Full PDB file with SEQRES, HELIX, SHEET, SSBOND, CRYST1, ORIGX, SCALE, CONECT and MASTER records, all heavy atoms in Angstrom:
SEQRES   1 A   41  LEU GLU ARG LEU ALA GLY LEU PRO ALA VAL VAL VAL ARG          
SEQRES   2 A   41  ALA VAL GLY ASP ASP ARG GLY VAL THR ALA GLU MET LEU          
SEQRES   3 A   41  ALA HIS VAL THR VAL ALA GLY ARG ALA VAL LEU LEU HIS          
SEQRES   4 A   41  THR GLY                                                      
HELIX    1 AA1 ALA A   23  LEU A   26  1                                   4    
SHEET    1 AA1 2 ALA A   9  ARG A  13  0                                        
SHEET    2 AA1 2 ALA A  35  HIS A  39  1                                        
CRYST1    1.000    1.000    1.000  90.00  90.00  90.00 P 1           1          
ORIGX1      1.000000  0.000000  0.000000        0.00000                         
ORIGX2      0.000000  1.000000  0.000000        0.00000                         
ORIGX3      0.000000  0.000000  1.000000        0.00000                         
SCALE1      1.000000  0.000000  0.000000        0.00000                         
SCALE2      0.000000  1.000000  0.000000        0.00000                         
SCALE3      0.000000  0.000000  1.000000        0.00000                         
ATOM      1  N   LEU A   1    -247.821  40.125 101.421  1.00  0.00           N  
ATOM      2  CA  LEU A   1    -246.466  40.094 101.960  1.00  0.00           C  
ATOM      3  C   LEU A   1    -245.781  41.449 101.861  1.00  0.00           C  
ATOM      4  O   LEU A   1    -244.904  41.774 102.668  1.00  0.00           O  
ATOM      5  CB  LEU A   1    -245.636  39.035 101.231  1.00  0.00           C  
ATOM      6  CG  LEU A   1    -245.933  37.588 101.610  1.00  0.00           C  
ATOM      7  CD1 LEU A   1    -245.144  36.637 100.712  1.00  0.00           C  
ATOM      8  CD2 LEU A   1    -245.614  37.326 103.073  1.00  0.00           C  
ATOM      9  N   GLU A   2    -246.172  42.245 100.860  1.00  0.00           N  
ATOM     10  CA  GLU A   2    -245.572  43.568 100.709  1.00  0.00           C  
ATOM     11  C   GLU A   2    -245.818  44.462 101.911  1.00  0.00           C  
ATOM     12  O   GLU A   2    -245.110  45.444 102.129  1.00  0.00           O  
ATOM     13  CB  GLU A   2    -246.125  44.257  99.448  1.00  0.00           C  
ATOM     14  CG  GLU A   2    -245.690  43.626  98.147  1.00  0.00           C  
ATOM     15  CD  GLU A   2    -246.608  42.493  97.707  1.00  0.00           C  
ATOM     16  OE1 GLU A   2    -247.476  42.073  98.528  1.00  0.00           O  
ATOM     17  OE2 GLU A   2    -246.464  42.022  96.572  1.00  0.00           O  
ATOM     18  N   ARG A   3    -246.831  44.120 102.719  1.00  0.00           N  
ATOM     19  CA  ARG A   3    -247.143  44.885 103.929  1.00  0.00           C  
ATOM     20  C   ARG A   3    -246.376  44.389 105.149  1.00  0.00           C  
ATOM     21  O   ARG A   3    -246.422  45.009 106.214  1.00  0.00           O  
ATOM     22  CB  ARG A   3    -248.640  44.777 104.227  1.00  0.00           C  
ATOM     23  CG  ARG A   3    -249.511  45.664 103.383  1.00  0.00           C  
ATOM     24  CD  ARG A   3    -249.515  47.063 103.941  1.00  0.00           C  
ATOM     25  NE  ARG A   3    -250.461  47.914 103.253  1.00  0.00           N  
ATOM     26  CZ  ARG A   3    -250.742  49.147 103.623  1.00  0.00           C  
ATOM     27  NH1 ARG A   3    -250.140  49.676 104.680  1.00  0.00           N  
ATOM     28  NH2 ARG A   3    -251.587  49.883 102.944  1.00  0.00           N  
ATOM     29  N   LEU A   4    -245.673  43.253 104.997  1.00  0.00           N  
ATOM     30  CA  LEU A   4    -245.114  42.581 106.158  1.00  0.00           C  
ATOM     31  C   LEU A   4    -243.616  42.330 106.079  1.00  0.00           C  
ATOM     32  O   LEU A   4    -242.977  42.118 107.111  1.00  0.00           O  
ATOM     33  CB  LEU A   4    -245.813  41.222 106.351  1.00  0.00           C  
ATOM     34  CG  LEU A   4    -247.343  41.220 106.377  1.00  0.00           C  
ATOM     35  CD1 LEU A   4    -247.851  39.787 106.365  1.00  0.00           C  
ATOM     36  CD2 LEU A   4    -247.859  41.968 107.585  1.00  0.00           C  
ATOM     37  N   ALA A   5    -243.051  42.298 104.894  1.00  0.00           N  
ATOM     38  CA  ALA A   5    -241.677  41.830 104.727  1.00  0.00           C  
ATOM     39  C   ALA A   5    -240.806  42.859 104.020  1.00  0.00           C  
ATOM     40  O   ALA A   5    -241.228  43.469 103.025  1.00  0.00           O  
ATOM     41  CB  ALA A   5    -241.662  40.519 103.941  1.00  0.00           C  
ATOM     42  N   GLY A   6    -239.605  43.049 104.550  1.00  0.00           N  
ATOM     43  CA  GLY A   6    -238.630  43.915 103.901  1.00  0.00           C  
ATOM     44  C   GLY A   6    -239.016  45.377 103.857  1.00  0.00           C  
ATOM     45  O   GLY A   6    -238.557  46.114 102.981  1.00  0.00           O  
ATOM     46  N   LEU A   7    -239.819  45.832 104.817  1.00  0.00           N  
ATOM     47  CA  LEU A   7    -240.263  47.222 104.817  1.00  0.00           C  
ATOM     48  C   LEU A   7    -239.144  48.145 105.302  1.00  0.00           C  
ATOM     49  O   LEU A   7    -238.482  47.849 106.300  1.00  0.00           O  
ATOM     50  CB  LEU A   7    -241.467  47.394 105.757  1.00  0.00           C  
ATOM     51  CG  LEU A   7    -242.763  46.702 105.367  1.00  0.00           C  
ATOM     52  CD1 LEU A   7    -243.754  46.770 106.518  1.00  0.00           C  
ATOM     53  CD2 LEU A   7    -243.354  47.341 104.116  1.00  0.00           C  
ATOM     54  N   PRO A   8    -238.925  49.268 104.624  1.00  0.00           N  
ATOM     55  CA  PRO A   8    -237.994  50.249 105.184  1.00  0.00           C  
ATOM     56  C   PRO A   8    -238.522  50.725 106.530  1.00  0.00           C  
ATOM     57  O   PRO A   8    -239.706  51.011 106.678  1.00  0.00           O  
ATOM     58  CB  PRO A   8    -237.988  51.366 104.142  1.00  0.00           C  
ATOM     59  CG  PRO A   8    -239.256  51.191 103.368  1.00  0.00           C  
ATOM     60  CD  PRO A   8    -239.559  49.739 103.381  1.00  0.00           C  
ATOM     61  N   ALA A   9    -237.641  50.766 107.528  1.00  0.00           N  
ATOM     62  CA  ALA A   9    -238.078  51.060 108.896  1.00  0.00           C  
ATOM     63  C   ALA A   9    -237.572  52.417 109.351  1.00  0.00           C  
ATOM     64  O   ALA A   9    -236.487  52.851 108.976  1.00  0.00           O  
ATOM     65  CB  ALA A   9    -237.583  49.981 109.853  1.00  0.00           C  
ATOM     66  N   VAL A  10    -238.387  53.064 110.170  1.00  0.00           N  
ATOM     67  CA  VAL A  10    -237.955  54.249 110.894  1.00  0.00           C  
ATOM     68  C   VAL A  10    -238.206  53.971 112.378  1.00  0.00           C  
ATOM     69  O   VAL A  10    -239.303  53.552 112.763  1.00  0.00           O  
ATOM     70  CB  VAL A  10    -238.691  55.527 110.431  1.00  0.00           C  
ATOM     71  CG1 VAL A  10    -240.203  55.384 110.525  1.00  0.00           C  
ATOM     72  CG2 VAL A  10    -238.229  56.739 111.238  1.00  0.00           C  
ATOM     73  N   VAL A  11    -237.161  54.131 113.183  1.00  0.00           N  
ATOM     74  CA  VAL A  11    -237.251  53.858 114.619  1.00  0.00           C  
ATOM     75  C   VAL A  11    -237.408  55.179 115.356  1.00  0.00           C  
ATOM     76  O   VAL A  11    -236.569  56.075 115.228  1.00  0.00           O  
ATOM     77  CB  VAL A  11    -236.010  53.111 115.119  1.00  0.00           C  
ATOM     78  CG1 VAL A  11    -236.127  52.830 116.614  1.00  0.00           C  
ATOM     79  CG2 VAL A  11    -235.817  51.806 114.347  1.00  0.00           C  
ATOM     80  N   VAL A  12    -238.494  55.298 116.102  1.00  0.00           N  
ATOM     81  CA  VAL A  12    -238.785  56.513 116.858  1.00  0.00           C  
ATOM     82  C   VAL A  12    -238.378  56.291 118.309  1.00  0.00           C  
ATOM     83  O   VAL A  12    -238.939  55.434 118.998  1.00  0.00           O  
ATOM     84  CB  VAL A  12    -240.286  56.869 116.776  1.00  0.00           C  
ATOM     85  CG1 VAL A  12    -240.586  58.125 117.592  1.00  0.00           C  
ATOM     86  CG2 VAL A  12    -240.715  57.058 115.328  1.00  0.00           C  
ATOM     87  N   ARG A  13    -237.373  57.037 118.763  1.00  0.00           N  
ATOM     88  CA  ARG A  13    -236.916  56.905 120.151  1.00  0.00           C  
ATOM     89  C   ARG A  13    -237.880  57.652 121.066  1.00  0.00           C  
ATOM     90  O   ARG A  13    -238.025  58.871 120.980  1.00  0.00           O  
ATOM     91  CB  ARG A  13    -235.516  57.496 120.314  1.00  0.00           C  
ATOM     92  CG  ARG A  13    -234.483  56.944 119.342  1.00  0.00           C  
ATOM     93  CD  ARG A  13    -234.166  55.490 119.584  1.00  0.00           C  
ATOM     94  NE  ARG A  13    -233.106  55.038 118.679  1.00  0.00           N  
ATOM     95  CZ  ARG A  13    -232.899  53.775 118.334  1.00  0.00           C  
ATOM     96  NH1 ARG A  13    -233.691  52.821 118.825  1.00  0.00           N  
ATOM     97  NH2 ARG A  13    -231.921  53.458 117.511  1.00  0.00           N  
ATOM     98  N   ALA A  14    -238.561  56.913 121.924  1.00  0.00           N  
ATOM     99  CA  ALA A  14    -239.532  57.514 122.831  1.00  0.00           C  
ATOM    100  C   ALA A  14    -239.332  56.962 124.236  1.00  0.00           C  
ATOM    101  O   ALA A  14    -240.292  56.667 124.945  1.00  0.00           O  
ATOM    102  CB  ALA A  14    -240.955  57.240 122.336  1.00  0.00           C  
ATOM    103  N   VAL A  15    -238.070  56.797 124.615  1.00  0.00           N  
ATOM    104  CA  VAL A  15    -237.740  56.285 125.941  1.00  0.00           C  
ATOM    105  C   VAL A  15    -237.635  57.471 126.891  1.00  0.00           C  
ATOM    106  O   VAL A  15    -236.823  58.370 126.692  1.00  0.00           O  
ATOM    107  CB  VAL A  15    -236.412  55.519 125.920  1.00  0.00           C  
ATOM    108  CG1 VAL A  15    -236.076  54.999 127.308  1.00  0.00           C  
ATOM    109  CG2 VAL A  15    -236.472  54.378 124.914  1.00  0.00           C  
ATOM    110  N   GLY A  16    -238.475  57.507 127.912  1.00  0.00           N  
ATOM    111  CA  GLY A  16    -238.442  58.640 128.830  1.00  0.00           C  
ATOM    112  C   GLY A  16    -239.606  58.604 129.786  1.00  0.00           C  
ATOM    113  O   GLY A  16    -240.245  57.559 129.980  1.00  0.00           O  
ATOM    114  N   ASP A  17    -239.911  59.750 130.356  1.00  0.00           N  
ATOM    115  CA  ASP A  17    -240.957  59.830 131.368  1.00  0.00           C  
ATOM    116  C   ASP A  17    -242.361  59.868 130.778  1.00  0.00           C  
ATOM    117  O   ASP A  17    -243.326  59.502 131.442  1.00  0.00           O  
ATOM    118  CB  ASP A  17    -240.738  61.069 132.244  1.00  0.00           C  
ATOM    119  CG  ASP A  17    -239.436  60.997 133.029  1.00  0.00           C  
ATOM    120  OD1 ASP A  17    -239.011  59.870 133.352  1.00  0.00           O  
ATOM    121  OD2 ASP A  17    -238.853  62.056 133.313  1.00  0.00           O  
ATOM    122  N   ASP A  18    -242.493  60.346 129.533  1.00  0.00           N  
ATOM    123  CA  ASP A  18    -243.820  60.438 128.918  1.00  0.00           C  
ATOM    124  C   ASP A  18    -244.259  59.067 128.439  1.00  0.00           C  
ATOM    125  O   ASP A  18    -243.580  58.428 127.631  1.00  0.00           O  
ATOM    126  CB  ASP A  18    -243.791  61.412 127.741  1.00  0.00           C  
ATOM    127  CG  ASP A  18    -243.520  62.837 128.186  1.00  0.00           C  
ATOM    128  OD1 ASP A  18    -243.921  63.183 129.318  1.00  0.00           O  
ATOM    129  OD2 ASP A  18    -242.901  63.591 127.412  1.00  0.00           O  
ATOM    130  N   ARG A  19    -245.414  58.615 128.919  1.00  0.00           N  
ATOM    131  CA  ARG A  19    -245.911  57.300 128.513  1.00  0.00           C  
ATOM    132  C   ARG A  19    -246.431  57.308 127.095  1.00  0.00           C  
ATOM    133  O   ARG A  19    -246.253  56.337 126.355  1.00  0.00           O  
ATOM    134  CB  ARG A  19    -247.027  56.848 129.463  1.00  0.00           C  
ATOM    135  CG  ARG A  19    -246.564  56.549 130.878  1.00  0.00           C  
ATOM    136  CD  ARG A  19    -247.763  56.171 131.740  1.00  0.00           C  
ATOM    137  NE  ARG A  19    -248.496  55.073 131.145  1.00  0.00           N  
ATOM    138  CZ  ARG A  19    -249.829  55.011 131.079  1.00  0.00           C  
ATOM    139  NH1 ARG A  19    -250.575  55.994 131.555  1.00  0.00           N  
ATOM    140  NH2 ARG A  19    -250.420  53.974 130.529  1.00  0.00           N  
ATOM    141  N   GLY A  20    -247.114  58.367 126.712  1.00  0.00           N  
ATOM    142  CA  GLY A  20    -247.765  58.408 125.415  1.00  0.00           C  
ATOM    143  C   GLY A  20    -246.857  58.921 124.309  1.00  0.00           C  
ATOM    144  O   GLY A  20    -246.184  59.938 124.475  1.00  0.00           O  
ATOM    145  N   VAL A  21    -246.829  58.201 123.169  1.00  0.00           N  
ATOM    146  CA  VAL A  21    -246.133  58.675 121.971  1.00  0.00           C  
ATOM    147  C   VAL A  21    -247.149  59.510 121.191  1.00  0.00           C  
ATOM    148  O   VAL A  21    -248.127  58.985 120.657  1.00  0.00           O  
ATOM    149  CB  VAL A  21    -245.619  57.508 121.127  1.00  0.00           C  
ATOM    150  CG1 VAL A  21    -244.883  58.029 119.891  1.00  0.00           C  
ATOM    151  CG2 VAL A  21    -244.705  56.609 121.948  1.00  0.00           C  
ATOM    152  N   THR A  22    -246.931  60.816 121.121  1.00  0.00           N  
ATOM    153  CA  THR A  22    -247.925  61.751 120.607  1.00  0.00           C  
ATOM    154  C   THR A  22    -247.624  62.172 119.171  1.00  0.00           C  
ATOM    155  O   THR A  22    -246.529  61.940 118.647  1.00  0.00           O  
ATOM    156  CB  THR A  22    -247.961  63.005 121.485  1.00  0.00           C  
ATOM    157  OG1 THR A  22    -246.686  63.668 121.371  1.00  0.00           O  
ATOM    158  CG2 THR A  22    -248.221  62.649 122.951  1.00  0.00           C  
ATOM    159  N   ALA A  23    -248.598  62.846 118.576  1.00  0.00           N  
ATOM    160  CA  ALA A  23    -248.414  63.392 117.235  1.00  0.00           C  
ATOM    161  C   ALA A  23    -247.270  64.390 117.215  1.00  0.00           C  
ATOM    162  O   ALA A  23    -246.514  64.468 116.236  1.00  0.00           O  
ATOM    163  CB  ALA A  23    -249.714  64.042 116.757  1.00  0.00           C  
ATOM    164  N   GLU A  24    -247.114  65.151 118.269  1.00  0.00           N  
ATOM    165  CA  GLU A  24    -246.026  66.124 118.335  1.00  0.00           C  
ATOM    166  C   GLU A  24    -244.671  65.427 118.265  1.00  0.00           C  
ATOM    167  O   GLU A  24    -243.743  65.914 117.608  1.00  0.00           O  
ATOM    168  CB  GLU A  24    -246.127  66.939 119.624  1.00  0.00           C  
ATOM    169  CG  GLU A  24    -245.070  68.023 119.750  1.00  0.00           C  
ATOM    170  CD  GLU A  24    -245.205  68.823 121.029  1.00  0.00           C  
ATOM    171  OE1 GLU A  24    -246.136  68.542 121.816  1.00  0.00           O  
ATOM    172  OE2 GLU A  24    -244.388  69.745 121.239  1.00  0.00           O  
ATOM    173  N   MET A  25    -244.557  64.272 118.914  1.00  0.00           N  
ATOM    174  CA  MET A  25    -243.294  63.535 118.901  1.00  0.00           C  
ATOM    175  C   MET A  25    -243.015  62.923 117.531  1.00  0.00           C  
ATOM    176  O   MET A  25    -241.872  62.618 117.191  1.00  0.00           O  
ATOM    177  CB  MET A  25    -243.321  62.440 119.968  1.00  0.00           C  
ATOM    178  CG  MET A  25    -243.443  62.990 121.384  1.00  0.00           C  
ATOM    179  SD  MET A  25    -243.857  61.714 122.605  1.00  0.00           S  
ATOM    180  CE  MET A  25    -242.397  60.703 122.566  1.00  0.00           C  
ATOM    181  N   LEU A  26    -244.062  62.725 116.728  1.00  0.00           N  
ATOM    182  CA  LEU A  26    -243.928  62.098 115.414  1.00  0.00           C  
ATOM    183  C   LEU A  26    -243.937  63.104 114.271  1.00  0.00           C  
ATOM    184  O   LEU A  26    -243.750  62.718 113.108  1.00  0.00           O  
ATOM    185  CB  LEU A  26    -245.081  61.107 115.202  1.00  0.00           C  
ATOM    186  CG  LEU A  26    -245.158  59.941 116.187  1.00  0.00           C  
ATOM    187  CD1 LEU A  26    -246.496  59.239 116.061  1.00  0.00           C  
ATOM    188  CD2 LEU A  26    -244.025  58.961 115.940  1.00  0.00           C  
ATOM    189  N   ALA A  27    -244.146  64.362 114.591  1.00  0.00           N  
ATOM    190  CA  ALA A  27    -244.413  65.376 113.563  1.00  0.00           C  
ATOM    191  C   ALA A  27    -243.308  65.488 112.524  1.00  0.00           C  
ATOM    192  O   ALA A  27    -243.571  65.748 111.348  1.00  0.00           O  
ATOM    193  CB  ALA A  27    -244.660  66.731 114.222  1.00  0.00           C  
ATOM    194  N   HIS A  28    -242.059  65.295 112.921  1.00  0.00           N  
ATOM    195  CA  HIS A  28    -240.945  65.499 112.001  1.00  0.00           C  
ATOM    196  C   HIS A  28    -240.366  64.183 111.488  1.00  0.00           C  
ATOM    197  O   HIS A  28    -239.266  64.166 110.932  1.00  0.00           O  
ATOM    198  CB  HIS A  28    -239.858  66.319 112.685  1.00  0.00           C  
ATOM    199  CG  HIS A  28    -240.338  67.658 113.175  1.00  0.00           C  
ATOM    200  ND1 HIS A  28    -240.772  68.646 112.315  1.00  0.00           N  
ATOM    201  CD2 HIS A  28    -240.491  68.156 114.424  1.00  0.00           C  
ATOM    202  CE1 HIS A  28    -241.152  69.696 113.020  1.00  0.00           C  
ATOM    203  NE2 HIS A  28    -240.994  69.424 114.298  1.00  0.00           N  
ATOM    204  N   VAL A  29    -241.115  63.093 111.659  1.00  0.00           N  
ATOM    205  CA  VAL A  29    -240.655  61.776 111.202  1.00  0.00           C  
ATOM    206  C   VAL A  29    -241.303  61.453 109.860  1.00  0.00           C  
ATOM    207  O   VAL A  29    -242.517  61.588 109.706  1.00  0.00           O  
ATOM    208  CB  VAL A  29    -241.022  60.690 112.231  1.00  0.00           C  
ATOM    209  CG1 VAL A  29    -240.539  59.322 111.763  1.00  0.00           C  
ATOM    210  CG2 VAL A  29    -240.433  61.022 113.595  1.00  0.00           C  
ATOM    211  N   THR A  30    -240.509  61.034 108.894  1.00  0.00           N  
ATOM    212  CA  THR A  30    -241.042  60.613 107.598  1.00  0.00           C  
ATOM    213  C   THR A  30    -241.495  59.162 107.719  1.00  0.00           C  
ATOM    214  O   THR A  30    -240.673  58.263 107.934  1.00  0.00           O  
ATOM    215  CB  THR A  30    -239.977  60.738 106.500  1.00  0.00           C  
ATOM    216  OG1 THR A  30    -239.563  62.102 106.414  1.00  0.00           O  
ATOM    217  CG2 THR A  30    -240.536  60.307 105.158  1.00  0.00           C  
ATOM    218  N   VAL A  31    -242.794  58.918 107.602  1.00  0.00           N  
ATOM    219  CA  VAL A  31    -243.341  57.583 107.864  1.00  0.00           C  
ATOM    220  C   VAL A  31    -243.972  56.938 106.643  1.00  0.00           C  
ATOM    221  O   VAL A  31    -244.259  55.736 106.660  1.00  0.00           O  
ATOM    222  CB  VAL A  31    -244.398  57.644 109.000  1.00  0.00           C  
ATOM    223  CG1 VAL A  31    -243.811  58.278 110.257  1.00  0.00           C  
ATOM    224  CG2 VAL A  31    -245.656  58.383 108.568  1.00  0.00           C  
ATOM    225  N   ALA A  32    -244.191  57.664 105.570  1.00  0.00           N  
ATOM    226  CA  ALA A  32    -244.912  57.141 104.418  1.00  0.00           C  
ATOM    227  C   ALA A  32    -244.233  55.894 103.861  1.00  0.00           C  
ATOM    228  O   ALA A  32    -243.041  55.892 103.555  1.00  0.00           O  
ATOM    229  CB  ALA A  32    -244.996  58.205 103.327  1.00  0.00           C  
ATOM    230  N   GLY A  33    -245.008  54.807 103.767  1.00  0.00           N  
ATOM    231  CA  GLY A  33    -244.498  53.564 103.213  1.00  0.00           C  
ATOM    232  C   GLY A  33    -243.545  52.814 104.110  1.00  0.00           C  
ATOM    233  O   GLY A  33    -242.943  51.821 103.676  1.00  0.00           O  
ATOM    234  N   ARG A  34    -243.400  53.230 105.361  1.00  0.00           N  
ATOM    235  CA  ARG A  34    -242.409  52.631 106.248  1.00  0.00           C  
ATOM    236  C   ARG A  34    -243.046  51.880 107.417  1.00  0.00           C  
ATOM    237  O   ARG A  34    -244.183  52.154 107.797  1.00  0.00           O  
ATOM    238  CB  ARG A  34    -241.479  53.711 106.814  1.00  0.00           C  
ATOM    239  CG  ARG A  34    -240.609  54.368 105.749  1.00  0.00           C  
ATOM    240  CD  ARG A  34    -239.731  55.442 106.348  1.00  0.00           C  
ATOM    241  NE  ARG A  34    -238.785  55.962 105.369  1.00  0.00           N  
ATOM    242  CZ  ARG A  34    -237.908  56.922 105.605  1.00  0.00           C  
ATOM    243  NH1 ARG A  34    -237.863  57.493 106.802  1.00  0.00           N  
ATOM    244  NH2 ARG A  34    -237.083  57.332 104.656  1.00  0.00           N  
ATOM    245  N   ALA A  35    -242.278  50.950 107.969  1.00  0.00           N  
ATOM    246  CA  ALA A  35    -242.620  50.359 109.260  1.00  0.00           C  
ATOM    247  C   ALA A  35    -242.157  51.327 110.334  1.00  0.00           C  
ATOM    248  O   ALA A  35    -240.967  51.625 110.436  1.00  0.00           O  
ATOM    249  CB  ALA A  35    -241.939  49.015 109.424  1.00  0.00           C  
ATOM    250  N   VAL A  36    -243.096  51.843 111.110  1.00  0.00           N  
ATOM    251  CA  VAL A  36    -242.782  52.801 112.163  1.00  0.00           C  
ATOM    252  C   VAL A  36    -242.655  52.021 113.467  1.00  0.00           C  
ATOM    253  O   VAL A  36    -243.639  51.468 113.967  1.00  0.00           O  
ATOM    254  CB  VAL A  36    -243.872  53.884 112.275  1.00  0.00           C  
ATOM    255  CG1 VAL A  36    -243.515  54.890 113.360  1.00  0.00           C  
ATOM    256  CG2 VAL A  36    -244.054  54.587 110.933  1.00  0.00           C  
ATOM    257  N   LEU A  37    -241.447  51.954 114.019  1.00  0.00           N  
ATOM    258  CA  LEU A  37    -241.169  51.145 115.199  1.00  0.00           C  
ATOM    259  C   LEU A  37    -240.948  52.070 116.387  1.00  0.00           C  
ATOM    260  O   LEU A  37    -240.002  52.864 116.401  1.00  0.00           O  
ATOM    261  CB  LEU A  37    -239.936  50.270 114.960  1.00  0.00           C  
ATOM    262  CG  LEU A  37    -239.992  49.407 113.682  1.00  0.00           C  
ATOM    263  CD1 LEU A  37    -238.715  48.592 113.538  1.00  0.00           C  
ATOM    264  CD2 LEU A  37    -241.229  48.505 113.684  1.00  0.00           C  
ATOM    265  N   LEU A  38    -241.821  51.963 117.378  1.00  0.00           N  
ATOM    266  CA  LEU A  38    -241.793  52.845 118.542  1.00  0.00           C  
ATOM    267  C   LEU A  38    -240.935  52.217 119.632  1.00  0.00           C  
ATOM    268  O   LEU A  38    -241.325  51.231 120.272  1.00  0.00           O  
ATOM    269  CB  LEU A  38    -243.218  53.095 119.047  1.00  0.00           C  
ATOM    270  CG  LEU A  38    -244.198  53.625 117.979  1.00  0.00           C  
ATOM    271  CD1 LEU A  38    -245.588  53.799 118.597  1.00  0.00           C  
ATOM    272  CD2 LEU A  38    -243.712  54.922 117.365  1.00  0.00           C  
ATOM    273  N   HIS A  39    -239.754  52.785 119.830  1.00  0.00           N  
ATOM    274  CA  HIS A  39    -238.815  52.287 120.837  1.00  0.00           C  
ATOM    275  C   HIS A  39    -239.072  53.032 122.134  1.00  0.00           C  
ATOM    276  O   HIS A  39    -238.605  54.148 122.337  1.00  0.00           O  
ATOM    277  CB  HIS A  39    -237.377  52.494 120.351  1.00  0.00           C  
ATOM    278  CG  HIS A  39    -236.353  52.137 121.377  1.00  0.00           C  
ATOM    279  ND1 HIS A  39    -235.122  52.760 121.448  1.00  0.00           N  
ATOM    280  CD2 HIS A  39    -236.370  51.235 122.391  1.00  0.00           C  
ATOM    281  CE1 HIS A  39    -234.424  52.256 122.440  1.00  0.00           C  
ATOM    282  NE2 HIS A  39    -235.169  51.331 123.028  1.00  0.00           N  
ATOM    283  N   THR A  40    -239.828  52.405 123.044  1.00  0.00           N  
ATOM    284  CA  THR A  40    -240.208  53.031 124.307  1.00  0.00           C  
ATOM    285  C   THR A  40    -239.401  52.507 125.487  1.00  0.00           C  
ATOM    286  O   THR A  40    -239.436  53.095 126.565  1.00  0.00           O  
ATOM    287  CB  THR A  40    -241.690  52.769 124.605  1.00  0.00           C  
ATOM    288  OG1 THR A  40    -241.869  51.380 124.909  1.00  0.00           O  
ATOM    289  CG2 THR A  40    -242.573  53.143 123.410  1.00  0.00           C  
ATOM    290  N   GLY A  41    -238.725  51.376 125.303  1.00  0.00           N  
ATOM    291  CA  GLY A  41    -238.030  50.752 126.416  1.00  0.00           C  
ATOM    292  C   GLY A  41    -238.928  49.910 127.299  1.00  0.00           C  
ATOM    293  O   GLY A  41    -238.480  49.372 128.317  1.00  0.00           O  
TER     294      GLY A  41                                                      
MASTER        0    0    0    1    2    0    0    6  293    1    0    4          
END                                                                             
């Protein structure tokens, strides 16, 4: 359950013309121990 419930979340805004969410787009996001939620629209 520790992997599924109450995880601190970081939302990555990736709404735009680029279809792929790349490493470059994630490079400055702190993701360790977090639920990384890709908001693409």
